[in-house]
Amino acid sequence: MAVLYKSFVPEILRAGQLARAAGPAGTEILEVLDIEEYRGFYFLAALVQGLGNGLLAGLMQTGRAIQGLRHSFLFVLAAYVTFGWLL
């Protein structure tokens, strides 16, 4: 998620600015999001992915999904550190 956020989102924002600068034809449906809204979306996606992947890891390791909560905690912590402090 962090790689997508750092490489893909600036291109999306640049394309939106170019479309608005090109003229009004068809841009009335173009909603402009700022970088913080994209950051929030990718952060939440990383949290959900971390939670789900941790539960799946516990299921594959022990046969019980609840055992994956420790994995989920680590994945969610990694997402928080990445989006909270590094990006």
N, C-alpha and C. Protein backbone atom coordinates (compact mmCIF):
# COMPACT_ATOMS: atom_id res chain seq x y z
N MET A 1 0.82 -1.18 0.00
CA MET A 1 0.00 0.00 0.00
C MET A 1 0.86 1.26 0.00
N ALA A 2 1.97 1.21 0.74
CA ALA A 2 2.83 2.39 0.81
C ALA A 2 3.47 2.67 -0.55
N VAL A 3 3.85 1.63 -1.26
CA VAL A 3 4.46 1.81 -2.58
C VAL A 3 3.44 2.41 -3.54
N LEU A 4 2.23 1.89 -3.51
CA LEU A 4 1.17 2.46 -4.37
C LEU A 4 0.91 3.91 -4.01
N TYR A 5 0.88 4.19 -2.72
CA TYR A 5 0.62 5.55 -2.28
C TYR A 5 1.69 6.52 -2.77
N LYS A 6 2.94 6.10 -2.68
CA LYS A 6 4.04 7.00 -3.06
C LYS A 6 4.23 7.12 -4.57
N SER A 7 3.87 6.09 -5.33
CA SER A 7 4.13 6.14 -6.77
C SER A 7 2.87 6.43 -7.59
N PHE A 8 1.73 5.93 -7.17
CA PHE A 8 0.53 6.01 -7.98
C PHE A 8 -0.28 7.28 -7.71
N VAL A 9 -0.40 7.67 -6.46
CA VAL A 9 -1.24 8.81 -6.11
C VAL A 9 -0.74 10.12 -6.72
N PRO A 10 0.57 10.42 -6.71
CA PRO A 10 0.99 11.66 -7.37
C PRO A 10 0.62 11.70 -8.86
N GLU A 11 0.66 10.56 -9.51
CA GLU A 11 0.26 10.52 -10.93
C GLU A 11 -1.24 10.75 -11.09
N ILE A 12 -2.03 10.23 -10.18
CA ILE A 12 -3.48 10.46 -10.21
C ILE A 12 -3.77 11.95 -10.04
N LEU A 13 -3.11 12.57 -9.08
CA LEU A 13 -3.33 14.00 -8.83
C LEU A 13 -2.88 14.83 -10.03
N ARG A 14 -1.76 14.47 -10.62
CA ARG A 14 -1.27 15.20 -11.78
C ARG A 14 -2.24 15.06 -12.96
N ALA A 15 -2.76 13.87 -13.17
CA ALA A 15 -3.72 13.66 -14.27
C ALA A 15 -5.01 14.45 -14.03
N GLY A 16 -5.45 14.53 -12.79
CA GLY A 16 -6.63 15.32 -12.47
C GLY A 16 -6.43 16.80 -12.73
N GLN A 17 -5.24 17.30 -12.39
CA GLN A 17 -4.95 18.70 -12.65
C GLN A 17 -4.89 18.99 -14.15
N LEU A 18 -4.32 18.07 -14.90
CA LEU A 18 -4.26 18.25 -16.36
C LEU A 18 -5.65 18.20 -16.97
N ALA A 19 -6.52 17.34 -16.48
CA ALA A 19 -7.88 17.24 -17.00
C ALA A 19 -8.67 18.51 -16.71
N ARG A 20 -8.49 19.07 -15.50
CA ARG A 20 -9.19 20.32 -15.18
C ARG A 20 -8.65 21.48 -16.00
N ALA A 21 -7.36 21.47 -16.27
CA ALA A 21 -6.76 22.55 -17.05
C ALA A 21 -7.13 22.46 -18.52
N ALA A 22 -7.48 21.27 -19.00
CA ALA A 22 -7.81 21.09 -20.41
C ALA A 22 -9.12 21.76 -20.79
N GLY A 23 -9.99 21.91 -19.84
CA GLY A 23 -11.25 22.58 -20.17
C GLY A 23 -12.42 21.94 -19.46
N PRO A 24 -13.59 22.56 -19.59
CA PRO A 24 -14.75 22.10 -18.84
C PRO A 24 -15.44 20.88 -19.43
N ALA A 25 -15.11 20.45 -20.64
CA ALA A 25 -15.84 19.34 -21.26
C ALA A 25 -15.57 18.04 -20.52
N GLY A 26 -16.58 17.54 -19.85
CA GLY A 26 -16.47 16.25 -19.18
C GLY A 26 -15.84 16.30 -17.80
N THR A 27 -15.41 17.46 -17.36
CA THR A 27 -14.76 17.53 -16.06
C THR A 27 -15.73 17.83 -14.92
N GLU A 28 -17.00 17.99 -15.22
CA GLU A 28 -17.94 18.28 -14.14
C GLU A 28 -18.16 17.06 -13.25
N ILE A 29 -17.86 15.87 -13.74
CA ILE A 29 -17.99 14.68 -12.90
C ILE A 29 -16.67 14.33 -12.22
N LEU A 30 -15.62 15.05 -12.52
CA LEU A 30 -14.30 14.79 -11.96
C LEU A 30 -14.23 15.39 -10.56
N GLU A 31 -14.23 14.52 -9.56
CA GLU A 31 -14.13 14.99 -8.19
C GLU A 31 -12.65 15.06 -7.81
N VAL A 32 -12.27 16.16 -7.22
CA VAL A 32 -10.87 16.37 -6.88
C VAL A 32 -10.66 15.97 -5.42
N LEU A 33 -9.78 15.01 -5.22
CA LEU A 33 -9.40 14.61 -3.87
C LEU A 33 -8.00 15.14 -3.60
N ASP A 34 -7.76 15.49 -2.36
CA ASP A 34 -6.41 15.93 -2.04
C ASP A 34 -5.58 14.75 -1.54
N ILE A 35 -4.31 15.00 -1.32
CA ILE A 35 -3.37 13.93 -0.98
C ILE A 35 -3.70 13.30 0.37
N GLU A 36 -4.25 14.06 1.29
CA GLU A 36 -4.58 13.51 2.61
C GLU A 36 -5.75 12.54 2.55
N GLU A 37 -6.70 12.79 1.66
CA GLU A 37 -7.81 11.85 1.49
C GLU A 37 -7.31 10.53 0.90
N TYR A 38 -6.41 10.62 -0.04
CA TYR A 38 -5.81 9.40 -0.58
C TYR A 38 -4.99 8.68 0.48
N ARG A 39 -4.27 9.44 1.28
CA ARG A 39 -3.46 8.84 2.35
C ARG A 39 -4.34 8.09 3.34
N GLY A 40 -5.46 8.67 3.71
CA GLY A 40 -6.39 8.01 4.61
C GLY A 40 -6.96 6.74 4.02
N PHE A 41 -7.29 6.79 2.75
CA PHE A 41 -7.82 5.60 2.07
C PHE A 41 -6.80 4.47 2.07
N TYR A 42 -5.56 4.79 1.70
CA TYR A 42 -4.53 3.76 1.64
C TYR A 42 -4.15 3.26 3.03
N PHE A 43 -4.21 4.12 4.02
CA PHE A 43 -3.95 3.70 5.39
C PHE A 43 -5.02 2.71 5.86
N LEU A 44 -6.28 3.04 5.62
CA LEU A 44 -7.35 2.11 6.01
C LEU A 44 -7.26 0.80 5.25
N ALA A 45 -6.91 0.87 3.98
CA ALA A 45 -6.74 -0.36 3.20
C ALA A 45 -5.61 -1.22 3.77
N ALA A 46 -4.52 -0.59 4.20
CA ALA A 46 -3.41 -1.34 4.80
C ALA A 46 -3.83 -1.96 6.13
N LEU A 47 -4.65 -1.25 6.92
CA LEU A 47 -5.14 -1.81 8.17
C LEU A 47 -6.02 -3.03 7.95
N VAL A 48 -6.94 -2.92 7.02
CA VAL A 48 -7.83 -4.05 6.72
C VAL A 48 -7.04 -5.23 6.18
N GLN A 49 -6.11 -4.95 5.31
CA GLN A 49 -5.28 -6.01 4.74
C GLN A 49 -4.43 -6.67 5.83
N GLY A 50 -3.87 -5.89 6.73
CA GLY A 50 -3.08 -6.45 7.82
C GLY A 50 -3.90 -7.31 8.74
N LEU A 51 -5.09 -6.87 9.07
CA LEU A 51 -5.97 -7.65 9.94
C LEU A 51 -6.35 -8.97 9.27
N GLY A 52 -6.77 -8.90 8.03
CA GLY A 52 -7.16 -10.11 7.32
C GLY A 52 -6.01 -11.07 7.09
N ASN A 53 -4.86 -10.53 6.72
CA ASN A 53 -3.70 -11.40 6.48
C ASN A 53 -3.22 -12.05 7.77
N GLY A 54 -3.29 -11.33 8.87
CA GLY A 54 -2.91 -11.92 10.15
C GLY A 54 -3.82 -13.05 10.56
N LEU A 55 -5.12 -12.86 10.39
CA LEU A 55 -6.07 -13.93 10.72
C LEU A 55 -5.86 -15.13 9.81
N LEU A 56 -5.59 -14.89 8.56
CA LEU A 56 -5.32 -15.98 7.63
C LEU A 56 -4.03 -16.71 7.99
N ALA A 57 -3.02 -15.97 8.42
CA ALA A 57 -1.76 -16.60 8.83
C ALA A 57 -1.99 -17.51 10.04
N GLY A 58 -2.79 -17.06 11.00
CA GLY A 58 -3.12 -17.90 12.15
C GLY A 58 -3.89 -19.14 11.75
N LEU A 59 -4.80 -18.98 10.81
CA LEU A 59 -5.57 -20.12 10.33
C LEU A 59 -4.68 -21.14 9.65
N MET A 60 -3.74 -20.67 8.86
CA MET A 60 -2.85 -21.59 8.15
C MET A 60 -1.84 -22.23 9.10
N GLN A 61 -1.42 -21.51 10.12
CA GLN A 61 -0.41 -22.02 11.04
C GLN A 61 -0.99 -23.01 12.04
N THR A 62 -2.12 -22.67 12.65
CA THR A 62 -2.65 -23.50 13.73
C THR A 62 -4.01 -24.11 13.44
N GLY A 63 -4.65 -23.67 12.39
CA GLY A 63 -5.98 -24.17 12.09
C GLY A 63 -7.08 -23.36 12.75
N ARG A 64 -6.72 -22.34 13.50
CA ARG A 64 -7.70 -21.47 14.16
C ARG A 64 -7.38 -20.03 13.83
N ALA A 65 -8.35 -19.33 13.29
CA ALA A 65 -8.12 -17.95 12.87
C ALA A 65 -7.81 -17.04 14.05
N ILE A 66 -8.39 -17.31 15.21
CA ILE A 66 -8.19 -16.45 16.37
C ILE A 66 -6.72 -16.43 16.80
N GLN A 67 -5.99 -17.46 16.48
CA GLN A 67 -4.56 -17.51 16.81
C GLN A 67 -3.75 -16.52 15.96
N GLY A 68 -4.35 -16.03 14.93
CA GLY A 68 -3.68 -15.07 14.06
C GLY A 68 -3.74 -13.63 14.54
N LEU A 69 -4.38 -13.40 15.68
CA LEU A 69 -4.47 -12.02 16.17
C LEU A 69 -3.09 -11.43 16.48
N ARG A 70 -2.15 -12.27 16.89
CA ARG A 70 -0.80 -11.73 17.14
C ARG A 70 -0.16 -11.28 15.82
N HIS A 71 -0.41 -12.06 14.76
CA HIS A 71 0.09 -11.65 13.44
C HIS A 71 -0.61 -10.37 12.99
N SER A 72 -1.91 -10.32 13.20
CA SER A 72 -2.68 -9.13 12.83
C SER A 72 -2.17 -7.90 13.55
N PHE A 73 -1.86 -8.05 14.84
CA PHE A 73 -1.34 -6.93 15.61
C PHE A 73 -0.05 -6.41 14.98
N LEU A 74 0.83 -7.31 14.60
CA LEU A 74 2.11 -6.89 14.01
C LEU A 74 1.90 -6.23 12.65
N PHE A 75 1.00 -6.77 11.83
CA PHE A 75 0.74 -6.18 10.53
C PHE A 75 0.10 -4.80 10.66
N VAL A 76 -0.84 -4.67 11.58
CA VAL A 76 -1.50 -3.38 11.80
C VAL A 76 -0.50 -2.38 12.37
N LEU A 77 0.37 -2.82 13.26
CA LEU A 77 1.41 -1.95 13.80
C LEU A 77 2.35 -1.48 12.69
N ALA A 78 2.71 -2.37 11.79
CA ALA A 78 3.58 -1.99 10.67
C ALA A 78 2.89 -0.97 9.77
N ALA A 79 1.60 -1.13 9.53
CA ALA A 79 0.86 -0.16 8.73
C ALA A 79 0.80 1.20 9.43
N TYR A 80 0.59 1.18 10.73
CA TYR A 80 0.53 2.44 11.48
C TYR A 80 1.87 3.15 11.45
N VAL A 81 2.94 2.42 11.67
CA VAL A 81 4.27 3.03 11.65
C VAL A 81 4.59 3.57 10.26
N THR A 82 4.26 2.80 9.25
CA THR A 82 4.55 3.23 7.88
C THR A 82 3.80 4.49 7.52
N PHE A 83 2.50 4.50 7.74
CA PHE A 83 1.70 5.66 7.34
C PHE A 83 1.72 6.78 8.38
N GLY A 84 2.01 6.46 9.63
CA GLY A 84 2.02 7.48 10.67
C GLY A 84 3.32 8.24 10.75
N TRP A 85 4.43 7.54 10.52
CA TRP A 85 5.72 8.19 10.74
C TRP A 85 6.57 8.28 9.48
N LEU A 86 6.50 7.28 8.62
CA LEU A 86 7.41 7.25 7.48
C LEU A 86 6.92 8.00 6.26
N LEU A 87 5.61 8.04 6.05
CA LEU A 87 5.09 8.72 4.86
C LEU A 87 4.52 10.08 5.20
